[in-house]
C-alpha atoms as a PDB file:
ATOM      1  CA  LYS A   1     116.298  73.886  95.357  1.00  0.00           C
ATOM      2  CA  ARG A   2     117.333  72.168  98.551  1.00  0.00           C
ATOM      3  CA  PHE A   3     114.824  74.237 100.543  1.00  0.00           C
ATOM      4  CA  LEU A   4     112.142  74.889  97.917  1.00  0.00           C
ATOM      5  CA  LYS A   5     109.164  72.598  97.684  1.00  0.00           C
ATOM      6  CA  GLU A   6     107.281  74.699  95.143  1.00  0.00           C
ATOM      7  CA  ILE A   7     106.917  78.125  93.614  1.00  0.00           C
ATOM      8  CA  ILE A   8     103.390  79.422  93.139  1.00  0.00           C
ATOM      9  CA  LEU A   9     102.652  82.275  90.766  1.00  0.00           C
ATOM     10  CA  VAL A  10      99.214  83.843  91.217  1.00  0.00           C
ATOM     11  CA  ASP A  11      97.531  85.742  88.387  1.00  0.00           C
ATOM     12  CA  ASP A  12      94.544  87.692  89.665  1.00  0.00           C
ATOM     13  CA  LEU A  13      92.832  88.127  86.289  1.00  0.00           C
ATOM     14  CA  SER A  14      95.528  90.158  84.594  1.00  0.00           C
ATOM     15  CA  ASN A  15      94.439  91.889  81.398  1.00  0.00           C
ATOM     16  CA  GLN A  16      97.939  91.888  79.871  1.00  0.00           C
ATOM     17  CA  GLY A  17      98.132  89.639  76.820  1.00  0.00           C
ATOM     18  CA  HIS A  18     101.634  88.306  77.494  1.00  0.00           C
ATOM     19  CA  LEU A  19     100.393  86.923  80.813  1.00  0.00           C
ATOM     20  CA  LYS A  20      97.844  84.629  79.180  1.00  0.00           C
ATOM     21  CA  ALA A  21      98.666  81.599  76.995  1.00  0.00           C
ATOM     22  CA  ALA A  22     102.359  82.425  76.635  1.00  0.00           C
ATOM     23  CA  LEU A  23     102.811  82.518  80.414  1.00  0.00           C
ATOM     24  CA  SER A  24     100.894  79.267  80.892  1.00  0.00           C
ATOM     25  CA  GLU A  25     103.069  77.552  78.302  1.00  0.00           C
ATOM     26  CA  TYR A  26     106.293  78.918  79.833  1.00  0.00           C
ATOM     27  CA  ILE A  27     105.333  77.916  83.388  1.00  0.00           C
ATOM     28  CA  SER A  28     104.314  74.422  82.263  1.00  0.00           C
ATOM     29  CA  LYS A  29     107.949  73.752  81.329  1.00  0.00           C
ATOM     30  CA  LEU A  30     109.331  74.734  84.740  1.00  0.00           C
ATOM     31  CA  ASP A  31     109.742  71.993  87.322  1.00  0.00           C
ATOM     32  CA  GLY A  32     108.193  72.826  90.689  1.00  0.00           C
ATOM     33  CA  VAL A  33     106.379  75.973  89.513  1.00  0.00           C
ATOM     34  CA  ARG A  34     102.585  76.251  89.532  1.00  0.00           C
ATOM     35  CA  LEU A  35     100.424  78.962  88.016  1.00  0.00           C
ATOM     36  CA  ILE A  36      97.146  79.701  89.766  1.00  0.00           C
ATOM     37  CA  ARG A  37      94.677  81.921  87.927  1.00  0.00           C
ATOM     38  CA  SER A  38      91.867  83.687  89.724  1.00  0.00           C
ATOM     39  CA  ASN A  39      88.539  84.347  88.035  1.00  0.00           C
ATOM     40  CA  LYS A  40      88.360  87.830  89.602  1.00  0.00           C
ATOM     41  CA  ARG A  41      90.666  90.651  90.655  1.00  0.00           C
ATOM     42  CA  LEU A  42      91.948  89.927  94.152  1.00  0.00           C
ATOM     43  CA  GLY A  43      94.544  92.599  94.854  1.00  0.00           C
ATOM     44  CA  VAL A  44      97.848  91.942  96.584  1.00  0.00           C
ATOM     45  CA  ILE A  45      96.505  90.480  99.822  1.00  0.00           C
ATOM     46  CA  GLY A  46      93.796  88.434  98.104  1.00  0.00           C
ATOM     47  CA  GLY A  47      96.347  86.997  95.677  1.00  0.00           C
ATOM     48  CA  ARG A  48      98.625  86.070  98.533  1.00  0.00           C
ATOM     49  CA  MET A  49      95.774  84.436 100.424  1.00  0.00           C
ATOM     50  CA  LEU A  50      94.849  82.373  97.346  1.00  0.00           C
ATOM     51  CA  GLY A  51      98.461  81.256  96.954  1.00  0.00           C
ATOM     52  CA  ALA A  52      98.712  80.433 100.656  1.00  0.00           C
ATOM     53  CA  ALA A  53      95.536  78.351 100.531  1.00  0.00           C
ATOM     54  CA  ARG A  54      96.990  76.245  97.705  1.00  0.00           C
ATOM     55  CA  ALA A  55     100.534  75.982  99.089  1.00  0.00           C
ATOM     56  CA  THR A  56     101.824  72.650 100.350  1.00  0.00           C
ATOM     57  CA  GLY A  57     105.088  73.688 102.009  1.00  0.00           C
ATOM     58  CA  ASP A  58     105.831  74.158 105.705  1.00  0.00           C
ATOM     59  CA  VAL A  59     107.024  77.765 105.317  1.00  0.00           C
ATOM     60  CA  LEU A  60     105.453  80.421 103.094  1.00  0.00           C
ATOM     61  CA  ILE A  61     107.454  83.245 101.567  1.00  0.00           C
ATOM     62  CA  PHE A  62     105.630  85.986  99.703  1.00  0.00           C
ATOM     63  CA  MET A  63     107.389  87.950  96.987  1.00  0.00           C
ATOM     64  CA  ASP A  64     106.346  90.576  94.493  1.00  0.00           C
ATOM     65  CA  SER A  65     107.307  90.752  90.839  1.00  0.00           C
ATOM     66  CA  HIS A  66     109.950  93.397  91.527  1.00  0.00           C
ATOM     67  CA  CYS A  67     111.829  91.232  94.060  1.00  0.00           C
ATOM     68  CA  GLU A  68     115.228  89.831  93.200  1.00  0.00           C
ATOM     69  CA  CYS A  69     116.996  87.131  95.238  1.00  0.00           C
ATOM     70  CA  HIS A  70     120.656  86.223  95.439  1.00  0.00           C
ATOM     71  CA  ASN A  71     122.491  83.168  96.726  1.00  0.00           C
ATOM     72  CA  GLY A  72     122.090  82.785 100.462  1.00  0.00           C
ATOM     73  CA  TRP A  73     118.953  84.908 100.880  1.00  0.00           C
ATOM     74  CA  LEU A  74     116.732  82.100 102.193  1.00  0.00           C
ATOM     75  CA  GLU A  75     118.891  80.415 104.817  1.00  0.00           C
ATOM     76  CA  PRO A  76     118.899  83.307 107.351  1.00  0.00           C
ATOM     77  CA  LEU A  77     115.104  83.529 107.186  1.00  0.00           C
ATOM     78  CA  LEU A  78     114.648  79.792 107.691  1.00  0.00           C
ATOM     79  CA  ASP A  79     117.167  79.835 110.548  1.00  0.00           C
ATOM     80  CA  ARG A  80     115.139  82.412 112.459  1.00  0.00           C
ATOM     81  CA  ILE A  81     111.916  80.499 111.848  1.00  0.00           C
ATOM     82  CA  SER A  82     113.517  77.264 113.062  1.00  0.00           C
ATOM     83  CA  PHE A  83     113.809  78.720 116.578  1.00  0.00           C
ATOM     84  CA  ASP A  84     110.119  79.630 116.729  1.00  0.00           C
ATOM     85  CA  ARG A  85     107.679  78.482 114.023  1.00  0.00           C
ATOM     86  CA  THR A  86     105.214  81.236 114.950  1.00  0.00           C
ATOM     87  CA  ARG A  87     107.638  83.949 113.834  1.00  0.00           C
ATOM     88  CA  VAL A  88     107.066  86.230 110.911  1.00  0.00           C
ATOM     89  CA  VAL A  89     110.422  87.288 109.476  1.00  0.00           C
ATOM     90  CA  SER A  90     111.340  89.770 106.793  1.00  0.00           C
ATOM     91  CA  PRO A  91     114.616  90.400 104.990  1.00  0.00           C
ATOM     92  CA  VAL A  92     116.116  93.817 104.475  1.00  0.00           C
ATOM     93  CA  ILE A  93     114.860  95.022 101.109  1.00  0.00           C
ATOM     94  CA  ASP A  94     117.408  97.116  99.220  1.00  0.00           C
ATOM     95  CA  VAL A  95     116.902  99.444  96.320  1.00  0.00           C
ATOM     96  CA  ILE A  96     117.970  97.882  93.029  1.00  0.00           C
ATOM     97  CA  ASP A  97     120.207 100.169  91.016  1.00  0.00           C
ATOM     98  CA  ARG A  98     119.093 100.110  87.378  1.00  0.00           C
ATOM     99  CA  LYS A  99     122.556 101.136  86.152  1.00  0.00           C
END
């Protein structure tokens, strides 16, 4: 939380029932998390652009629903950005073992 200003979850007109009222209610109880709903299907890039347009932080990090973070994942990315704010950095993305 020391580095996070906000978390934005973008729903680009999902048709899955559990992502409607139940998700809105769940998100409303989380501090620092915002749910943005689009009125049309945007796709991955469109959803990210909508989230970016509404973001208020200095650094944007895009993640997909299958991403999992562990302690210490953010600091190395922010360190590299601190040397040059025009950088685009990416972590190594491992395969998650389901076992």
